[in-house]
PDB file of N, CA and C in Angstrom:
ATOM      1  N   UNK A   1    -129.365  67.115   5.683  1.00  0.00           N
ATOM      2  CA  UNK A   1    -128.051  66.554   5.827  1.00  0.00           C
ATOM      3  C   UNK A   1    -128.184  65.085   6.244  1.00  0.00           C
ATOM      4  N   UNK A   2    -127.441  64.167   5.542  1.00  0.00           N
ATOM      5  CA  UNK A   2    -127.560  62.744   5.874  1.00  0.00           C
ATOM      6  C   UNK A   2    -127.023  62.460   7.280  1.00  0.00           C
ATOM      7  N   UNK A   3    -127.668  61.504   7.909  1.00  0.00           N
ATOM      8  CA  UNK A   3    -127.227  61.121   9.253  1.00  0.00           C
ATOM      9  C   UNK A   3    -126.031  60.196   9.151  1.00  0.00           C
ATOM     10  N   UNK A   4    -125.175  60.238  10.126  1.00  0.00           N
ATOM     11  CA  UNK A   4    -123.993  59.385  10.148  1.00  0.00           C
ATOM     12  C   UNK A   4    -124.423  57.951  10.475  1.00  0.00           C
ATOM     13  N   UNK A   5    -123.853  57.015   9.749  1.00  0.00           N
ATOM     14  CA  UNK A   5    -124.186  55.603   9.970  1.00  0.00           C
ATOM     15  C   UNK A   5    -123.065  54.932  10.729  1.00  0.00           C
ATOM     16  N   UNK A   6    -123.448  54.028  11.560  1.00  0.00           N
ATOM     17  CA  UNK A   6    -122.433  53.290  12.309  1.00  0.00           C
ATOM     18  C   UNK A   6    -121.896  52.140  11.452  1.00  0.00           C
ATOM     19  N   UNK A   7    -120.823  51.539  11.922  1.00  0.00           N
ATOM     20  CA  UNK A   7    -120.205  50.451  11.164  1.00  0.00           C
ATOM     21  C   UNK A   7    -121.137  49.256  11.050  1.00  0.00           C
ATOM     22  N   UNK A   8    -121.925  48.983  12.079  1.00  0.00           N
ATOM     23  CA  UNK A   8    -122.835  47.842  12.031  1.00  0.00           C
ATOM     24  C   UNK A   8    -123.950  48.052  11.010  1.00  0.00           C
ATOM     25  N   UNK A   9    -124.315  49.284  10.740  1.00  0.00           N
ATOM     26  CA  UNK A   9    -125.324  49.550   9.719  1.00  0.00           C
ATOM     27  C   UNK A   9    -124.774  49.294   8.317  1.00  0.00           C
ATOM     28  N   UNK A  10    -123.483  49.462   8.154  1.00  0.00           N
ATOM     29  CA  UNK A  10    -122.870  49.315   6.842  1.00  0.00           C
ATOM     30  C   UNK A  10    -122.464  47.882   6.525  1.00  0.00           C
ATOM     31  N   UNK A  11    -122.522  46.996   7.489  1.00  0.00           N
ATOM     32  CA  UNK A  11    -122.104  45.610   7.250  1.00  0.00           C
ATOM     33  C   UNK A  11    -123.175  44.870   6.474  1.00  0.00           C
ATOM     34  N   UNK A  12    -122.897  44.544   5.241  1.00  0.00           N
ATOM     35  CA  UNK A  12    -123.894  43.851   4.428  1.00  0.00           C
ATOM     36  C   UNK A  12    -123.844  42.341   4.630  1.00  0.00           C
ATOM     37  N   UNK A  13    -122.759  41.836   5.226  1.00  0.00           N
ATOM     38  CA  UNK A  13    -122.620  40.395   5.405  1.00  0.00           C
ATOM     39  C   UNK A  13    -122.883  39.964   6.841  1.00  0.00           C
ATOM     40  N   UNK A  14    -123.573  40.770   7.582  1.00  0.00           N
ATOM     41  CA  UNK A  14    -123.934  40.412   8.946  1.00  0.00           C
ATOM     42  C   UNK A  14    -124.869  39.202   8.897  1.00  0.00           C
ATOM     43  N   UNK A  15    -124.656  38.219   9.766  1.00  0.00           N
ATOM     44  CA  UNK A  15    -125.392  36.956   9.712  1.00  0.00           C
ATOM     45  C   UNK A  15    -126.908  37.166   9.812  1.00  0.00           C
ATOM     46  N   UNK A  16    -127.353  37.974  10.736  1.00  0.00           N
ATOM     47  CA  UNK A  16    -128.796  38.182  10.886  1.00  0.00           C
ATOM     48  C   UNK A  16    -129.380  38.832   9.636  1.00  0.00           C
ATOM     49  N   UNK A  17    -128.658  39.760   9.071  1.00  0.00           N
ATOM     50  CA  UNK A  17    -129.133  40.416   7.860  1.00  0.00           C
ATOM     51  C   UNK A  17    -129.125  39.444   6.679  1.00  0.00           C
ATOM     52  N   UNK A  18    -128.123  38.585   6.605  1.00  0.00           N
ATOM     53  CA  UNK A  18    -128.061  37.607   5.516  1.00  0.00           C
ATOM     54  C   UNK A  18    -129.230  36.630   5.610  1.00  0.00           C
ATOM     55  N   UNK A  19    -129.607  36.211   6.822  1.00  0.00           N
ATOM     56  CA  UNK A  19    -130.737  35.296   6.967  1.00  0.00           C
ATOM     57  C   UNK A  19    -132.046  35.976   6.603  1.00  0.00           C
ATOM     58  N   UNK A  20    -132.122  37.298   6.739  1.00  0.00           N
ATOM     59  CA  UNK A  20    -133.349  37.976   6.323  1.00  0.00           C
ATOM     60  C   UNK A  20    -133.425  38.069   4.798  1.00  0.00           C
ATOM     61  N   UNK A  21    -132.274  38.029   4.117  1.00  0.00           N
ATOM     62  CA  UNK A  21    -132.263  38.112   2.654  1.00  0.00           C
ATOM     63  C   UNK A  21    -132.305  36.715   2.023  1.00  0.00           C
ATOM     64  N   UNK A  22    -131.438  35.817   2.517  1.00  0.00           N
ATOM     65  CA  UNK A  22    -131.327  34.467   1.965  1.00  0.00           C
ATOM     66  C   UNK A  22    -131.708  33.459   3.038  1.00  0.00           C
ATOM     67  N   UNK A  23    -132.416  32.426   2.643  1.00  0.00           N
ATOM     68  CA  UNK A  23    -132.754  31.391   3.618  1.00  0.00           C
ATOM     69  C   UNK A  23    -131.548  30.460   3.785  1.00  0.00           C
ATOM     70  N   UNK A  24    -131.382  29.833   4.940  1.00  0.00           N
ATOM     71  CA  UNK A  24    -130.271  28.891   5.139  1.00  0.00           C
ATOM     72  C   UNK A  24    -130.410  27.689   4.207  1.00  0.00           C
ATOM     73  N   UNK A  25    -129.296  27.058   3.860  1.00  0.00           N
ATOM     74  CA  UNK A  25    -129.326  25.894   2.975  1.00  0.00           C
ATOM     75  C   UNK A  25    -129.992  24.718   3.667  1.00  0.00           C
ATOM     76  N   UNK A  26    -130.762  23.975   2.902  1.00  0.00           N
ATOM     77  CA  UNK A  26    -131.435  22.796   3.421  1.00  0.00           C
ATOM     78  C   UNK A  26    -130.492  21.609   3.318  1.00  0.00           C
ATOM     79  N   UNK A  27    -130.295  20.897   4.429  1.00  0.00           N
ATOM     80  CA  UNK A  27    -129.378  19.754   4.414  1.00  0.00           C
ATOM     81  C   UNK A  27    -129.963  18.564   3.661  1.00  0.00           C
ATOM     82  N   UNK A  28    -131.278  18.508   3.512  1.00  0.00           N
ATOM     83  CA  UNK A  28    -131.927  17.393   2.825  1.00  0.00           C
ATOM     84  C   UNK A  28    -132.115  17.656   1.331  1.00  0.00           C
ATOM     85  N   UNK A  29    -131.766  18.833   0.858  1.00  0.00           N
ATOM     86  CA  UNK A  29    -131.962  19.176  -0.545  1.00  0.00           C
ATOM     87  C   UNK A  29    -130.982  18.403  -1.420  1.00  0.00           C
ATOM     88  N   UNK A  30    -131.494  17.869  -2.538  1.00  0.00           N
ATOM     89  CA  UNK A  30    -130.641  17.121  -3.463  1.00  0.00           C
ATOM     90  C   UNK A  30    -129.717  18.071  -4.201  1.00  0.00           C
ATOM     91  N   UNK A  31    -128.563  17.549  -4.590  1.00  0.00           N
ATOM     92  CA  UNK A  31    -127.612  18.358  -5.334  1.00  0.00           C
ATOM     93  C   UNK A  31    -128.093  18.574  -6.762  1.00  0.00           C
ATOM     94  N   UNK A  32    -127.746  19.692  -7.362  1.00  0.00           N
ATOM     95  CA  UNK A  32    -128.073  19.892  -8.777  1.00  0.00           C
ATOM     96  C   UNK A  32    -127.363  18.863  -9.655  1.00  0.00           C
ATOM     97  N   UNK A  33    -127.895  18.663 -10.815  1.00  0.00           N
ATOM     98  CA  UNK A  33    -127.373  17.628 -11.715  1.00  0.00           C
ATOM     99  C   UNK A  33    -125.899  17.828 -12.036  1.00  0.00           C
ATOM    100  N   UNK A  34    -125.462  19.058 -12.182  1.00  0.00           N
ATOM    101  CA  UNK A  34    -124.058  19.311 -12.522  1.00  0.00           C
ATOM    102  C   UNK A  34    -123.131  18.855 -11.403  1.00  0.00           C
ATOM    103  N   UNK A  35    -123.526  19.064 -10.169  1.00  0.00           N
ATOM    104  CA  UNK A  35    -122.678  18.641  -9.057  1.00  0.00           C
ATOM    105  C   UNK A  35    -122.660  17.127  -8.928  1.00  0.00           C
ATOM    106  N   UNK A  36    -123.769  16.483  -9.225  1.00  0.00           N
ATOM    107  CA  UNK A  36    -123.807  15.026  -9.189  1.00  0.00           C
ATOM    108  C   UNK A  36    -122.905  14.459 -10.281  1.00  0.00           C
ATOM    109  N   UNK A  37    -122.956  15.049 -11.465  1.00  0.00           N
ATOM    110  CA  UNK A  37    -122.096  14.588 -12.560  1.00  0.00           C
ATOM    111  C   UNK A  37    -120.624  14.812 -12.234  1.00  0.00           C
ATOM    112  N   UNK A  38    -120.295  15.934 -11.592  1.00  0.00           N
ATOM    113  CA  UNK A  38    -118.915  16.208 -11.216  1.00  0.00           C
ATOM    114  C   UNK A  38    -118.446  15.217 -10.159  1.00  0.00           C
ATOM    115  N   UNK A  39    -119.315  14.829  -9.261  1.00  0.00           N
ATOM    116  CA  UNK A  39    -118.942  13.856  -8.233  1.00  0.00           C
ATOM    117  C   UNK A  39    -118.684  12.489  -8.856  1.00  0.00           C
ATOM    118  N   UNK A  40    -119.423  12.142  -9.911  1.00  0.00           N
ATOM    119  CA  UNK A  40    -119.205  10.856 -10.569  1.00  0.00           C
ATOM    120  C   UNK A  40    -117.856  10.814 -11.275  1.00  0.00           C
ATOM    121  N   UNK A  41    -117.374  11.974 -11.718  1.00  0.00           N
ATOM    122  CA  UNK A  41    -116.081  12.019 -12.390  1.00  0.00           C
ATOM    123  C   UNK A  41    -114.945  11.619 -11.463  1.00  0.00           C
ATOM    124  N   UNK A  42    -115.084  11.884 -10.187  1.00  0.00           N
ATOM    125  CA  UNK A  42    -114.004  11.636  -9.248  1.00  0.00           C
ATOM    126  C   UNK A  42    -114.257  10.419  -8.378  1.00  0.00           C
ATOM    127  N   UNK A  43    -115.064   9.477  -8.841  1.00  0.00           N
ATOM    128  CA  UNK A  43    -115.330   8.285  -8.043  1.00  0.00           C
ATOM    129  C   UNK A  43    -114.111   7.366  -8.080  1.00  0.00           C
ATOM    130  N   UNK A  44    -114.118   6.414  -7.201  1.00  0.00           N
ATOM    131  CA  UNK A  44    -112.975   5.505  -7.134  1.00  0.00           C
ATOM    132  C   UNK A  44    -112.997   4.527  -8.313  1.00  0.00           C
ATOM    133  N   UNK A  45    -111.889   3.879  -8.527  1.00  0.00           N
ATOM    134  CA  UNK A  45    -111.754   2.947  -9.646  1.00  0.00           C
ATOM    135  C   UNK A  45    -112.518   1.671  -9.326  1.00  0.00           C
ATOM    136  N   UNK A  46    -113.359   1.261 -10.269  1.00  0.00           N
ATOM    137  CA  UNK A  46    -114.144   0.041 -10.096  1.00  0.00           C
ATOM    138  C   UNK A  46    -113.461  -1.153 -10.738  1.00  0.00           C
ATOM    139  N   UNK A  47    -114.163  -2.279 -10.718  1.00  0.00           N
ATOM    140  CA  UNK A  47    -113.601  -3.519 -11.257  1.00  0.00           C
ATOM    141  C   UNK A  47    -113.457  -3.454 -12.774  1.00  0.00           C
ATOM    142  N   UNK A  48    -114.387  -2.780 -13.462  1.00  0.00           N
ATOM    143  CA  UNK A  48    -114.287  -2.656 -14.913  1.00  0.00           C
ATOM    144  C   UNK A  48    -113.032  -1.885 -15.307  1.00  0.00           C
ATOM    145  N   UNK A  49    -112.795  -0.786 -14.614  1.00  0.00           N
ATOM    146  CA  UNK A  49    -111.621   0.026 -14.927  1.00  0.00           C
ATOM    147  C   UNK A  49    -110.335  -0.719 -14.624  1.00  0.00           C
ATOM    148  N   UNK A  50    -110.337  -1.449 -13.498  1.00  0.00           N
ATOM    149  CA  UNK A  50    -109.149  -2.216 -13.121  1.00  0.00           C
ATOM    150  C   UNK A  50    -108.863  -3.319 -14.145  1.00  0.00           C
ATOM    151  N   UNK A  51    -109.906  -4.018 -14.571  1.00  0.00           N
ATOM    152  CA  UNK A  51    -109.726  -5.066 -15.583  1.00  0.00           C
ATOM    153  C   UNK A  51    -109.221  -4.469 -16.899  1.00  0.00           C
ATOM    154  N   UNK A  52    -109.735  -3.303 -17.253  1.00  0.00           N
ATOM    155  CA  UNK A  52    -109.275  -2.648 -18.477  1.00  0.00           C
ATOM    156  C   UNK A  52    -107.834  -2.196 -18.389  1.00  0.00           C
ATOM    157  N   UNK A  53    -107.423  -1.757 -17.206  1.00  0.00           N
ATOM    158  CA  UNK A  53    -106.039  -1.306 -17.027  1.00  0.00           C
ATOM    159  C   UNK A  53    -105.062  -2.474 -17.021  1.00  0.00           C
ATOM    160  N   UNK A  54    -105.501  -3.623 -16.548  1.00  0.00           N
ATOM    161  CA  UNK A  54    -104.620  -4.804 -16.477  1.00  0.00           C
ATOM    162  C   UNK A  54    -104.553  -5.515 -17.823  1.00  0.00           C
ATOM    163  N   UNK A  55    -105.568  -5.323 -18.680  1.00  0.00           N
ATOM    164  CA  UNK A  55    -105.641  -6.063 -19.934  1.00  0.00           C
ATOM    165  C   UNK A  55    -104.432  -5.832 -20.842  1.00  0.00           C
ATOM    166  N   UNK A  56    -104.071  -4.611 -21.107  1.00  0.00           N
ATOM    167  CA  UNK A  56    -102.982  -4.335 -22.047  1.00  0.00           C
ATOM    168  C   UNK A  56    -101.619  -4.809 -21.528  1.00  0.00           C
ATOM    169  N   UNK A  57    -101.255  -4.543 -20.267  1.00  0.00           N
ATOM    170  CA  UNK A  57     -99.972  -5.083 -19.797  1.00  0.00           C
ATOM    171  C   UNK A  57     -99.930  -6.614 -19.798  1.00  0.00           C
ATOM    172  N   UNK A  58    -101.052  -7.252 -19.503  1.00  0.00           N
ATOM    173  CA  UNK A  58    -101.055  -8.718 -19.536  1.00  0.00           C
ATOM    174  C   UNK A  58    -100.941  -9.231 -20.971  1.00  0.00           C
ATOM    175  N   UNK A  59    -101.536  -8.529 -21.912  1.00  0.00           N
ATOM    176  CA  UNK A  59    -101.407  -8.916 -23.314  1.00  0.00           C
ATOM    177  C   UNK A  59     -99.952  -8.820 -23.773  1.00  0.00           C
ATOM    178  N   UNK A  60     -99.290  -7.735 -23.405  1.00  0.00           N
ATOM    179  CA  UNK A  60     -97.874  -7.573 -23.756  1.00  0.00           C
ATOM    180  C   UNK A  60     -97.029  -8.647 -23.074  1.00  0.00           C
ATOM    181  N   UNK A  61     -97.332  -8.938 -21.814  1.00  0.00           N
ATOM    182  CA  UNK A  61     -96.574  -9.963 -21.081  1.00  0.00           C
ATOM    183  C   UNK A  61     -96.736 -11.333 -21.732  1.00  0.00           C
ATOM    184  N   UNK A  62     -97.945 -11.659 -22.185  1.00  0.00           N
ATOM    185  CA  UNK A  62     -98.168 -12.949 -22.847  1.00  0.00           C
ATOM    186  C   UNK A  62     -97.387 -13.019 -24.153  1.00  0.00           C
ATOM    187  N   UNK A  63     -97.392 -11.936 -24.906  1.00  0.00           N
ATOM    188  CA  UNK A  63     -96.654 -11.922 -26.171  1.00  0.00           C
ATOM    189  C   UNK A  63     -95.149 -12.065 -25.955  1.00  0.00           C
ATOM    190  N   UNK A  64     -94.618 -11.318 -24.994  1.00  0.00           N
ATOM    191  CA  UNK A  64     -93.177 -11.377 -24.728  1.00  0.00           C
ATOM    192  C   UNK A  64     -92.796 -12.749 -24.188  1.00  0.00           C
ATOM    193  N   UNK A  65     -93.596 -13.272 -23.268  1.00  0.00           N
ATOM    194  CA  UNK A  65     -93.306 -14.600 -22.704  1.00  0.00           C
ATOM    195  C   UNK A  65     -93.402 -15.680 -23.777  1.00  0.00           C
ATOM    196  N   UNK A  66     -94.387 -15.559 -24.680  1.00  0.00           N
ATOM    197  CA  UNK A  66     -94.518 -16.536 -25.770  1.00  0.00           C
ATOM    198  C   UNK A  66     -93.330 -16.515 -26.707  1.00  0.00           C
ATOM    199  N   UNK A  67     -92.802 -15.322 -26.992  1.00  0.00           N
ATOM    200  CA  UNK A  67     -91.617 -15.231 -27.842  1.00  0.00           C
ATOM    201  C   UNK A  67     -90.376 -15.749 -27.123  1.00  0.00           C
ATOM    202  N   UNK A  68     -90.314 -15.509 -25.825  1.00  0.00           N
ATOM    203  CA  UNK A  68     -89.120 -15.897 -25.055  1.00  0.00           C
ATOM    204  C   UNK A  68     -88.992 -17.412 -24.938  1.00  0.00           C
ATOM    205  N   UNK A  69     -90.128 -18.116 -24.749  1.00  0.00           N
ATOM    206  CA  UNK A  69     -90.077 -19.580 -24.601  1.00  0.00           C
ATOM    207  C   UNK A  69     -90.365 -20.293 -25.926  1.00  0.00           C
ATOM    208  N   UNK A  70     -90.491 -19.540 -27.009  1.00  0.00           N
ATOM    209  CA  UNK A  70     -90.781 -20.082 -28.335  1.00  0.00           C
ATOM    210  C   UNK A  70     -92.059 -20.916 -28.334  1.00  0.00           C
ATOM    211  N   UNK A  71     -93.101 -20.348 -27.745  1.00  0.00           N
ATOM    212  CA  UNK A  71     -94.400 -21.034 -27.690  1.00  0.00           C
ATOM    213  C   UNK A  71     -95.075 -20.937 -29.059  1.00  0.00           C
ATOM    214  N   UNK A  72     -95.805 -21.962 -29.447  1.00  0.00           N
ATOM    215  CA  UNK A  72     -96.529 -21.897 -30.723  1.00  0.00           C
ATOM    216  C   UNK A  72     -97.652 -20.846 -30.652  1.00  0.00           C
ATOM    217  N   UNK A  73     -98.045 -20.359 -31.805  1.00  0.00           N
ATOM    218  CA  UNK A  73     -99.052 -19.297 -31.882  1.00  0.00           C
ATOM    219  C   UNK A  73    -100.395 -19.695 -31.255  1.00  0.00           C
ATOM    220  N   UNK A  74    -100.878 -20.927 -31.470  1.00  0.00           N
ATOM    221  CA  UNK A  74    -102.159 -21.273 -30.836  1.00  0.00           C
ATOM    222  C   UNK A  74    -102.099 -21.216 -29.298  1.00  0.00           C
ATOM    223  N   UNK A  75    -100.945 -21.537 -28.739  1.00  0.00           N
ATOM    224  CA  UNK A  75    -100.815 -21.473 -27.290  1.00  0.00           C
ATOM    225  C   UNK A  75    -100.855 -20.013 -26.806  1.00  0.00           C
ATOM    226  N   UNK A  76    -100.217 -19.129 -27.547  1.00  0.00           N
ATOM    227  CA  UNK A  76    -100.249 -17.710 -27.181  1.00  0.00           C
ATOM    228  C   UNK A  76    -101.664 -17.151 -27.327  1.00  0.00           C
ATOM    229  N   UNK A  77    -102.371 -17.538 -28.401  1.00  0.00           N
ATOM    230  CA  UNK A  77    -103.750 -17.083 -28.570  1.00  0.00           C
ATOM    231  C   UNK A  77    -104.662 -17.626 -27.479  1.00  0.00           C
ATOM    232  N   UNK A  78    -104.414 -18.870 -27.064  1.00  0.00           N
ATOM    233  CA  UNK A  78    -105.198 -19.435 -25.965  1.00  0.00           C
ATOM    234  C   UNK A  78    -104.935 -18.655 -24.672  1.00  0.00           C
ATOM    235  N   UNK A  79    -103.696 -18.275 -24.440  1.00  0.00           N
ATOM    236  CA  UNK A  79    -103.375 -17.464 -23.260  1.00  0.00           C
ATOM    237  C   UNK A  79    -104.056 -16.111 -23.296  1.00  0.00           C
ATOM    238  N   UNK A  80    -104.077 -15.482 -24.473  1.00  0.00           N
ATOM    239  CA  UNK A  80    -104.753 -14.188 -24.619  1.00  0.00           C
ATOM    240  C   UNK A  80    -106.253 -14.352 -24.372  1.00  0.00           C
ATOM    241  N   UNK A  81    -106.841 -15.384 -24.942  1.00  0.00           N
ATOM    242  CA  UNK A  81    -108.278 -15.630 -24.763  1.00  0.00           C
ATOM    243  C   UNK A  81    -108.641 -15.923 -23.320  1.00  0.00           C
ATOM    244  N   UNK A  82    -107.851 -16.757 -22.671  1.00  0.00           N
ATOM    245  CA  UNK A  82    -108.127 -17.075 -21.267  1.00  0.00           C
ATOM    246  C   UNK A  82    -107.959 -15.857 -20.363  1.00  0.00           C
ATOM    247  N   UNK A  83    -106.964 -15.050 -20.657  1.00  0.00           N
ATOM    248  CA  UNK A  83    -106.776 -13.824 -19.871  1.00  0.00           C
ATOM    249  C   UNK A  83    -107.949 -12.883 -20.058  1.00  0.00           C
ATOM    250  N   UNK A  84    -108.417 -12.746 -21.294  1.00  0.00           N
ATOM    251  CA  UNK A  84    -109.571 -11.888 -21.554  1.00  0.00           C
ATOM    252  C   UNK A  84    -110.803 -12.386 -20.814  1.00  0.00           C
ATOM    253  N   UNK A  85    -111.065 -13.684 -20.888  1.00  0.00           N
ATOM    254  CA  UNK A  85    -112.235 -14.244 -20.209  1.00  0.00           C
ATOM    255  C   UNK A  85    -112.123 -14.113 -18.691  1.00  0.00           C
ATOM    256  N   UNK A  86    -110.918 -14.294 -18.161  1.00  0.00           N
ATOM    257  CA  UNK A  86    -110.735 -14.167 -16.711  1.00  0.00           C
ATOM    258  C   UNK A  86    -110.976 -12.727 -16.254  1.00  0.00           C
ATOM    259  N   UNK A  87    -110.464 -11.754 -17.014  1.00  0.00           N
ATOM    260  CA  UNK A  87    -110.679 -10.356 -16.640  1.00  0.00           C
ATOM    261  C   UNK A  87    -112.142  -9.952 -16.827  1.00  0.00           C
ATOM    262  N   UNK A  88    -112.797 -10.473 -17.843  1.00  0.00           N
ATOM    263  CA  UNK A  88    -114.221 -10.204 -18.034  1.00  0.00           C
ATOM    264  C   UNK A  88    -115.040 -10.781 -16.882  1.00  0.00           C
ATOM    265  N   UNK A  89    -114.725 -12.004 -16.481  1.00  0.00           N
ATOM    266  CA  UNK A  89    -115.424 -12.608 -15.334  1.00  0.00           C
ATOM    267  C   UNK A  89    -115.163 -11.817 -14.059  1.00  0.00           C
ATOM    268  N   UNK A  90    -113.940 -11.358 -13.884  1.00  0.00           N
ATOM    269  CA  UNK A  90    -113.587 -10.538 -12.719  1.00  0.00           C
ATOM    270  C   UNK A  90    -114.438  -9.277 -12.666  1.00  0.00           C
ATOM    271  N   UNK A  91    -114.602  -8.616 -13.802  1.00  0.00           N
ATOM    272  CA  UNK A  91    -115.385  -7.377 -13.843  1.00  0.00           C
ATOM    273  C   UNK A  91    -116.875  -7.650 -13.648  1.00  0.00           C
ATOM    274  N   UNK A  92    -117.400  -8.705 -14.275  1.00  0.00           N
ATOM    275  CA  UNK A  92    -118.827  -8.997 -14.174  1.00  0.00           C
ATOM    276  C   UNK A  92    -119.234  -9.468 -12.787  1.00  0.00           C
ATOM    277  N   UNK A  93    -118.433 -10.311 -12.175  1.00  0.00           N
ATOM    278  CA  UNK A  93    -118.762 -10.814 -10.846  1.00  0.00           C
ATOM    279  C   UNK A  93    -118.729  -9.688  -9.829  1.00  0.00           C
ATOM    280  N   UNK A  94    -117.814  -8.770  -9.953  1.00  0.00           N
ATOM    281  CA  UNK A  94    -117.733  -7.646  -9.023  1.00  0.00           C
ATOM    282  C   UNK A  94    -118.930  -6.735  -9.118  1.00  0.00           C
ATOM    283  N   UNK A  95    -119.434  -6.467 -10.331  1.00  0.00           N
ATOM    284  CA  UNK A  95    -120.604  -5.614 -10.496  1.00  0.00           C
ATOM    285  C   UNK A  95    -121.860  -6.278  -9.952  1.00  0.00           C
ATOM    286  N   UNK A  96    -121.954  -7.581 -10.095  1.00  0.00           N
ATOM    287  CA  UNK A  96    -123.137  -8.292  -9.619  1.00  0.00           C
ATOM    288  C   UNK A  96    -123.250  -8.199  -8.104  1.00  0.00           C
ATOM    289  N   UNK A  97    -122.121  -8.307  -7.400  1.00  0.00           N
ATOM    290  CA  UNK A  97    -122.152  -8.219  -5.945  1.00  0.00           C
ATOM    291  C   UNK A  97    -122.513  -6.829  -5.478  1.00  0.00           C
ATOM    292  N   UNK A  98    -122.094  -5.813  -6.203  1.00  0.00           N
ATOM    293  CA  UNK A  98    -122.418  -4.442  -5.810  1.00  0.00           C
ATOM    294  C   UNK A  98    -123.918  -4.167  -5.995  1.00  0.00           C
ATOM    295  N   UNK A  99    -124.529  -4.724  -7.022  1.00  0.00           N
ATOM    296  CA  UNK A  99    -125.951  -4.480  -7.258  1.00  0.00           C
ATOM    297  C   UNK A  99    -126.827  -5.200  -6.256  1.00  0.00           C
ATOM    298  N   UNK A 100    -126.363  -6.333  -5.709  1.00  0.00           N
ATOM    299  CA  UNK A 100    -127.168  -7.088  -4.754  1.00  0.00           C
ATOM    300  C   UNK A 100    -127.247  -6.429  -3.388  1.00  0.00           C
ATOM    301  N   UNK A 101    -126.287  -5.593  -3.067  1.00  0.00           N
ATOM    302  CA  UNK A 101    -126.269  -4.978  -1.737  1.00  0.00           C
ATOM    303  C   UNK A 101    -127.319  -3.919  -1.594  1.00  0.00           C
TER     304      UNK A 101
END
């Protein structure tokens, strides 16, 4: 006849028993590649992304402003070019400072 077991014998998630089966997690262990990739997905917005997000609204603003003041086409193209170069410089200078640190 089987012997009666107590509740503590039946607990499979008891801490001491779990440590005998599984070793504790190492705090110095690197994350698996999938977790690192998932963390990169949720990083904050950088200068490249900000410049890209500002580019289209500024392009529309230049076009609308050029039509509103009846600016000649070369002046509007110069504004588009200067805006592009300024946003490109903004993105490049920001990345350079981050790499130097």
